[in-house]
N, C-alpha and C. Protein backbone atom coordinates (compact mmCIF):
# COMPACT_ATOMS: atom_id res chain seq x y z
N GLY A 1 182.25 40.60 -86.23
CA GLY A 1 182.00 40.15 -87.56
C GLY A 1 180.53 40.16 -87.92
N ARG A 2 179.68 40.71 -87.08
CA ARG A 2 178.25 40.70 -87.35
C ARG A 2 177.66 42.11 -87.51
N GLY A 3 178.53 43.09 -87.67
CA GLY A 3 178.06 44.44 -87.94
C GLY A 3 177.82 45.30 -86.71
N LYS A 4 178.26 44.85 -85.55
CA LYS A 4 178.03 45.63 -84.33
C LYS A 4 178.73 46.98 -84.39
N SER A 5 179.94 47.01 -84.92
CA SER A 5 180.65 48.29 -85.03
C SER A 5 179.95 49.23 -86.00
N ALA A 6 179.44 48.69 -87.07
CA ALA A 6 178.71 49.52 -88.03
C ALA A 6 177.48 50.14 -87.37
N ILE A 7 176.80 49.36 -86.55
CA ILE A 7 175.61 49.86 -85.85
C ILE A 7 176.03 50.95 -84.85
N ALA A 8 177.09 50.69 -84.09
CA ALA A 8 177.56 51.66 -83.10
C ALA A 8 177.95 52.97 -83.77
N HIS A 9 178.66 52.88 -84.89
CA HIS A 9 179.10 54.09 -85.60
C HIS A 9 177.91 54.82 -86.22
N THR A 10 176.93 54.09 -86.71
CA THR A 10 175.73 54.72 -87.27
C THR A 10 174.96 55.46 -86.19
N ILE A 11 174.81 54.84 -85.03
CA ILE A 11 174.10 55.49 -83.92
C ILE A 11 174.87 56.73 -83.47
N ALA A 12 176.19 56.61 -83.32
CA ALA A 12 177.00 57.75 -82.90
C ALA A 12 176.90 58.90 -83.91
N SER A 13 176.95 58.57 -85.18
CA SER A 13 176.85 59.59 -86.22
C SER A 13 175.49 60.28 -86.18
N TRP A 14 174.44 59.50 -86.03
CA TRP A 14 173.09 60.07 -85.95
C TRP A 14 172.96 60.97 -84.73
N LEU A 15 173.45 60.49 -83.57
CA LEU A 15 173.37 61.30 -82.36
C LEU A 15 174.17 62.59 -82.49
N LYS A 16 175.32 62.52 -83.15
CA LYS A 16 176.12 63.73 -83.36
C LYS A 16 175.36 64.72 -84.23
N ASP A 17 174.71 64.22 -85.27
CA ASP A 17 173.95 65.08 -86.18
C ASP A 17 172.79 65.79 -85.49
N VAL A 18 172.15 65.10 -84.54
CA VAL A 18 170.99 65.70 -83.86
C VAL A 18 171.38 66.38 -82.55
N GLY A 19 172.67 66.38 -82.24
CA GLY A 19 173.15 67.09 -81.05
C GLY A 19 173.01 66.33 -79.76
N GLY A 20 172.93 65.02 -79.82
CA GLY A 20 172.74 64.25 -78.59
C GLY A 20 173.91 63.37 -78.19
N LEU A 21 175.04 63.50 -78.87
CA LEU A 21 176.17 62.63 -78.55
C LEU A 21 177.08 63.29 -77.52
N GLY A 22 177.25 62.61 -76.38
CA GLY A 22 178.16 63.11 -75.37
C GLY A 22 179.60 62.76 -75.70
N SER A 23 179.82 61.50 -76.12
CA SER A 23 181.16 61.04 -76.46
C SER A 23 181.04 59.72 -77.22
N CYS A 24 182.06 59.43 -78.00
CA CYS A 24 182.14 58.16 -78.71
C CYS A 24 183.58 57.68 -78.62
N PHE A 25 183.76 56.45 -78.18
CA PHE A 25 185.11 55.89 -78.05
C PHE A 25 185.10 54.50 -78.66
N CYS A 26 186.05 54.26 -79.55
CA CYS A 26 186.09 52.98 -80.25
C CYS A 26 187.43 52.30 -80.03
N PHE A 27 187.36 51.06 -79.63
CA PHE A 27 188.56 50.25 -79.49
C PHE A 27 188.84 49.56 -80.82
N SER A 28 190.09 49.17 -81.02
CA SER A 28 190.47 48.49 -82.25
C SER A 28 191.55 47.47 -81.96
N ARG A 29 191.37 46.29 -82.48
CA ARG A 29 192.37 45.25 -82.31
C ARG A 29 193.71 45.67 -82.92
N ASP A 30 193.65 46.46 -84.00
CA ASP A 30 194.86 46.92 -84.69
C ASP A 30 195.68 47.91 -83.85
N ARG A 31 195.05 48.53 -82.85
CA ARG A 31 195.73 49.58 -82.09
C ARG A 31 195.93 49.20 -80.62
N GLN A 32 196.00 47.91 -80.32
CA GLN A 32 196.14 47.47 -78.93
C GLN A 32 197.43 47.95 -78.29
N ALA A 33 198.48 48.12 -79.05
CA ALA A 33 199.77 48.55 -78.49
C ALA A 33 199.69 49.96 -77.90
N GLU A 34 198.69 50.74 -78.30
CA GLU A 34 198.56 52.11 -77.79
C GLU A 34 197.96 52.17 -76.39
N ARG A 35 197.56 51.03 -75.83
CA ARG A 35 196.95 50.98 -74.49
C ARG A 35 195.77 51.93 -74.42
N ARG A 36 194.89 51.84 -75.39
CA ARG A 36 193.77 52.76 -75.49
C ARG A 36 192.80 52.70 -74.32
N GLU A 37 192.77 51.58 -73.59
CA GLU A 37 191.87 51.52 -72.43
C GLU A 37 192.24 52.58 -71.40
N GLU A 38 193.52 52.94 -71.35
CA GLU A 38 193.95 53.97 -70.41
C GLU A 38 193.52 55.37 -70.86
N LYS A 39 193.13 55.51 -72.10
CA LYS A 39 192.72 56.81 -72.64
C LYS A 39 191.21 56.96 -72.71
N MET A 40 190.48 55.87 -72.51
CA MET A 40 189.04 55.89 -72.70
C MET A 40 188.35 56.93 -71.82
N LEU A 41 188.57 56.89 -70.52
CA LEU A 41 187.84 57.78 -69.62
C LEU A 41 188.31 59.22 -69.71
N THR A 42 189.59 59.44 -69.98
CA THR A 42 190.06 60.82 -70.15
C THR A 42 189.48 61.41 -71.43
N THR A 43 189.39 60.59 -72.47
CA THR A 43 188.78 61.06 -73.72
C THR A 43 187.31 61.37 -73.53
N MET A 44 186.60 60.47 -72.85
CA MET A 44 185.18 60.69 -72.60
C MET A 44 184.95 61.96 -71.77
N SER A 45 185.75 62.15 -70.71
CA SER A 45 185.57 63.35 -69.88
C SER A 45 185.89 64.61 -70.67
N HIS A 46 186.90 64.55 -71.52
CA HIS A 46 187.24 65.69 -72.38
C HIS A 46 186.08 66.03 -73.31
N ASP A 47 185.51 64.99 -73.93
CA ASP A 47 184.37 65.21 -74.84
C ASP A 47 183.17 65.79 -74.10
N LEU A 48 182.87 65.26 -72.93
CA LEU A 48 181.72 65.75 -72.15
C LEU A 48 181.96 67.19 -71.70
N ALA A 49 183.20 67.51 -71.34
CA ALA A 49 183.53 68.87 -70.94
C ALA A 49 183.35 69.85 -72.10
N GLY A 50 183.64 69.40 -73.30
CA GLY A 50 183.46 70.25 -74.47
C GLY A 50 182.00 70.48 -74.80
N ARG A 51 181.15 69.59 -74.38
CA ARG A 51 179.72 69.68 -74.72
C ARG A 51 178.88 70.34 -73.63
N TYR A 52 179.26 70.14 -72.38
CA TYR A 52 178.45 70.61 -71.25
C TYR A 52 179.27 71.53 -70.35
N PRO A 53 179.01 72.83 -70.36
CA PRO A 53 179.79 73.78 -69.55
C PRO A 53 179.79 73.45 -68.04
N ALA A 54 178.66 73.00 -67.51
CA ALA A 54 178.61 72.68 -66.08
C ALA A 54 179.50 71.47 -65.77
N PHE A 55 179.55 70.51 -66.67
CA PHE A 55 180.45 69.36 -66.51
C PHE A 55 181.89 69.84 -66.55
N ARG A 56 182.18 70.76 -67.49
CA ARG A 56 183.55 71.28 -67.63
C ARG A 56 184.01 71.97 -66.35
N ARG A 57 183.13 72.76 -65.74
CA ARG A 57 183.49 73.44 -64.50
C ARG A 57 183.73 72.43 -63.37
N ALA A 58 182.84 71.44 -63.26
CA ALA A 58 183.00 70.43 -62.21
C ALA A 58 184.26 69.59 -62.43
N LEU A 59 184.53 69.24 -63.67
CA LEU A 59 185.74 68.49 -63.99
C LEU A 59 186.99 69.32 -63.68
N GLY A 60 186.94 70.59 -63.99
CA GLY A 60 188.07 71.48 -63.69
C GLY A 60 188.39 71.49 -62.20
N ARG A 61 187.35 71.51 -61.38
CA ARG A 61 187.57 71.49 -59.93
C ARG A 61 188.20 70.17 -59.49
N VAL A 62 187.72 69.07 -60.05
CA VAL A 62 188.28 67.75 -59.71
C VAL A 62 189.74 67.68 -60.10
N LEU A 63 190.07 68.13 -61.30
CA LEU A 63 191.46 68.07 -61.77
C LEU A 63 192.37 69.05 -61.05
N ALA A 64 191.83 70.17 -60.58
CA ALA A 64 192.63 71.10 -59.80
C ALA A 64 193.05 70.47 -58.49
N GLU A 65 192.18 69.65 -57.91
CA GLU A 65 192.48 68.96 -56.67
C GLU A 65 193.46 67.81 -56.87
N ASP A 66 193.37 67.15 -58.03
CA ASP A 66 194.21 65.97 -58.28
C ASP A 66 194.57 65.85 -59.76
N PRO A 67 195.57 66.60 -60.24
CA PRO A 67 195.94 66.57 -61.65
C PRO A 67 196.42 65.20 -62.13
N ALA A 68 196.86 64.34 -61.22
CA ALA A 68 197.36 63.02 -61.60
C ALA A 68 196.26 62.12 -62.14
N LEU A 69 195.01 62.50 -61.96
CA LEU A 69 193.90 61.70 -62.49
C LEU A 69 193.99 61.54 -64.01
N LYS A 70 194.59 62.51 -64.67
CA LYS A 70 194.69 62.46 -66.13
C LYS A 70 195.61 61.34 -66.61
N THR A 71 196.53 60.91 -65.77
CA THR A 71 197.52 59.93 -66.21
C THR A 71 197.52 58.64 -65.41
N THR A 72 196.69 58.53 -64.39
CA THR A 72 196.68 57.31 -63.58
C THR A 72 196.16 56.13 -64.40
N SER A 73 196.61 54.95 -64.07
CA SER A 73 196.10 53.75 -64.74
C SER A 73 194.96 53.12 -63.94
N ASP A 74 194.54 53.78 -62.86
CA ASP A 74 193.45 53.29 -62.02
C ASP A 74 192.12 53.69 -62.67
N LEU A 75 191.56 52.77 -63.44
CA LEU A 75 190.33 53.07 -64.20
C LEU A 75 189.14 53.32 -63.29
N LEU A 76 189.06 52.63 -62.16
CA LEU A 76 187.95 52.86 -61.24
C LEU A 76 188.00 54.28 -60.68
N GLN A 77 189.18 54.72 -60.31
CA GLN A 77 189.33 56.08 -59.80
C GLN A 77 188.99 57.10 -60.89
N GLN A 78 189.46 56.86 -62.12
CA GLN A 78 189.11 57.77 -63.22
C GLN A 78 187.61 57.79 -63.46
N TRP A 79 186.97 56.62 -63.45
CA TRP A 79 185.52 56.54 -63.66
C TRP A 79 184.80 57.38 -62.62
N GLN A 80 185.17 57.21 -61.36
CA GLN A 80 184.50 57.92 -60.28
C GLN A 80 184.76 59.42 -60.33
N LYS A 81 186.02 59.81 -60.55
CA LYS A 81 186.40 61.22 -60.45
C LYS A 81 186.26 62.01 -61.75
N LEU A 82 186.50 61.35 -62.89
CA LEU A 82 186.45 62.08 -64.17
C LEU A 82 185.09 62.02 -64.84
N ILE A 83 184.26 61.05 -64.45
CA ILE A 83 182.95 60.91 -65.09
C ILE A 83 181.81 61.10 -64.08
N LEU A 84 181.74 60.19 -63.10
CA LEU A 84 180.59 60.21 -62.18
C LEU A 84 180.49 61.49 -61.35
N GLU A 85 181.58 61.90 -60.74
CA GLU A 85 181.54 63.08 -59.87
C GLU A 85 181.15 64.35 -60.64
N PRO A 86 181.80 64.64 -61.77
CA PRO A 86 181.37 65.84 -62.51
C PRO A 86 179.94 65.73 -63.05
N LEU A 87 179.53 64.55 -63.48
CA LEU A 87 178.15 64.39 -63.96
C LEU A 87 177.15 64.64 -62.85
N SER A 88 177.42 64.11 -61.66
CA SER A 88 176.48 64.31 -60.56
C SER A 88 176.41 65.78 -60.16
N LYS A 89 177.53 66.49 -60.20
CA LYS A 89 177.52 67.92 -59.86
C LYS A 89 176.87 68.77 -60.94
N ALA A 90 176.90 68.30 -62.18
CA ALA A 90 176.34 69.06 -63.30
C ALA A 90 174.92 68.62 -63.66
N ALA A 91 174.40 67.63 -62.98
CA ALA A 91 173.13 67.00 -63.37
C ALA A 91 172.00 68.01 -63.56
N GLY A 92 171.88 68.99 -62.70
CA GLY A 92 170.80 69.96 -62.82
C GLY A 92 170.92 70.88 -64.01
N SER A 93 172.12 70.98 -64.58
CA SER A 93 172.35 71.87 -65.70
C SER A 93 172.31 71.18 -67.05
N ILE A 94 172.26 69.86 -67.05
CA ILE A 94 172.25 69.10 -68.30
C ILE A 94 170.82 68.72 -68.62
N ILE A 95 170.36 69.16 -69.78
CA ILE A 95 168.99 68.87 -70.21
C ILE A 95 169.03 67.66 -71.13
N GLY A 96 168.19 66.69 -70.85
CA GLY A 96 168.13 65.48 -71.66
C GLY A 96 169.13 64.44 -71.18
N ASN A 97 169.31 63.43 -72.00
CA ASN A 97 170.19 62.33 -71.67
C ASN A 97 171.62 62.60 -72.15
N VAL A 98 172.56 62.02 -71.44
CA VAL A 98 173.96 62.05 -71.87
C VAL A 98 174.24 60.68 -72.47
N VAL A 99 174.49 60.65 -73.78
CA VAL A 99 174.72 59.38 -74.47
C VAL A 99 176.21 59.25 -74.79
N VAL A 100 176.77 58.12 -74.37
CA VAL A 100 178.16 57.79 -74.65
C VAL A 100 178.16 56.46 -75.39
N VAL A 101 178.81 56.42 -76.53
CA VAL A 101 178.90 55.19 -77.33
C VAL A 101 180.32 54.65 -77.18
N ILE A 102 180.41 53.40 -76.75
CA ILE A 102 181.70 52.71 -76.66
C ILE A 102 181.61 51.48 -77.54
N ASP A 103 182.50 51.42 -78.51
CA ASP A 103 182.50 50.31 -79.45
C ASP A 103 183.70 49.40 -79.22
N ALA A 104 183.47 48.11 -79.29
CA ALA A 104 184.51 47.08 -79.23
C ALA A 104 185.26 47.10 -77.91
N LEU A 105 184.54 47.29 -76.82
CA LEU A 105 185.14 47.28 -75.50
C LEU A 105 185.86 45.95 -75.22
N ASP A 106 185.39 44.90 -75.81
CA ASP A 106 186.02 43.58 -75.60
C ASP A 106 187.34 43.42 -76.33
N GLU A 107 187.72 44.40 -77.16
CA GLU A 107 189.00 44.34 -77.85
C GLU A 107 190.11 44.65 -76.88
């Protein structure tokens, strides 16, 4: 109720315009039934793969080894395998910072 979402969306929009947005994920109290927390990391990895070819290749290798990562409810495993591992393998090919905006995580 204090404008945090407006700030997050403004920053995400600005970063998208200047080409610096890796991913943006927004939670909503109205959409809690969709279990969106289970989609957060898969959405972020999909967005990063679309933006960074080296990340896409590394993610492809991870998913080829374990396709169930796309549907598991184990968020720690998804974080490690869908985000951290591909980012670490692609680090030398990514120029600049990777910015991810997550809004209303407490929802």
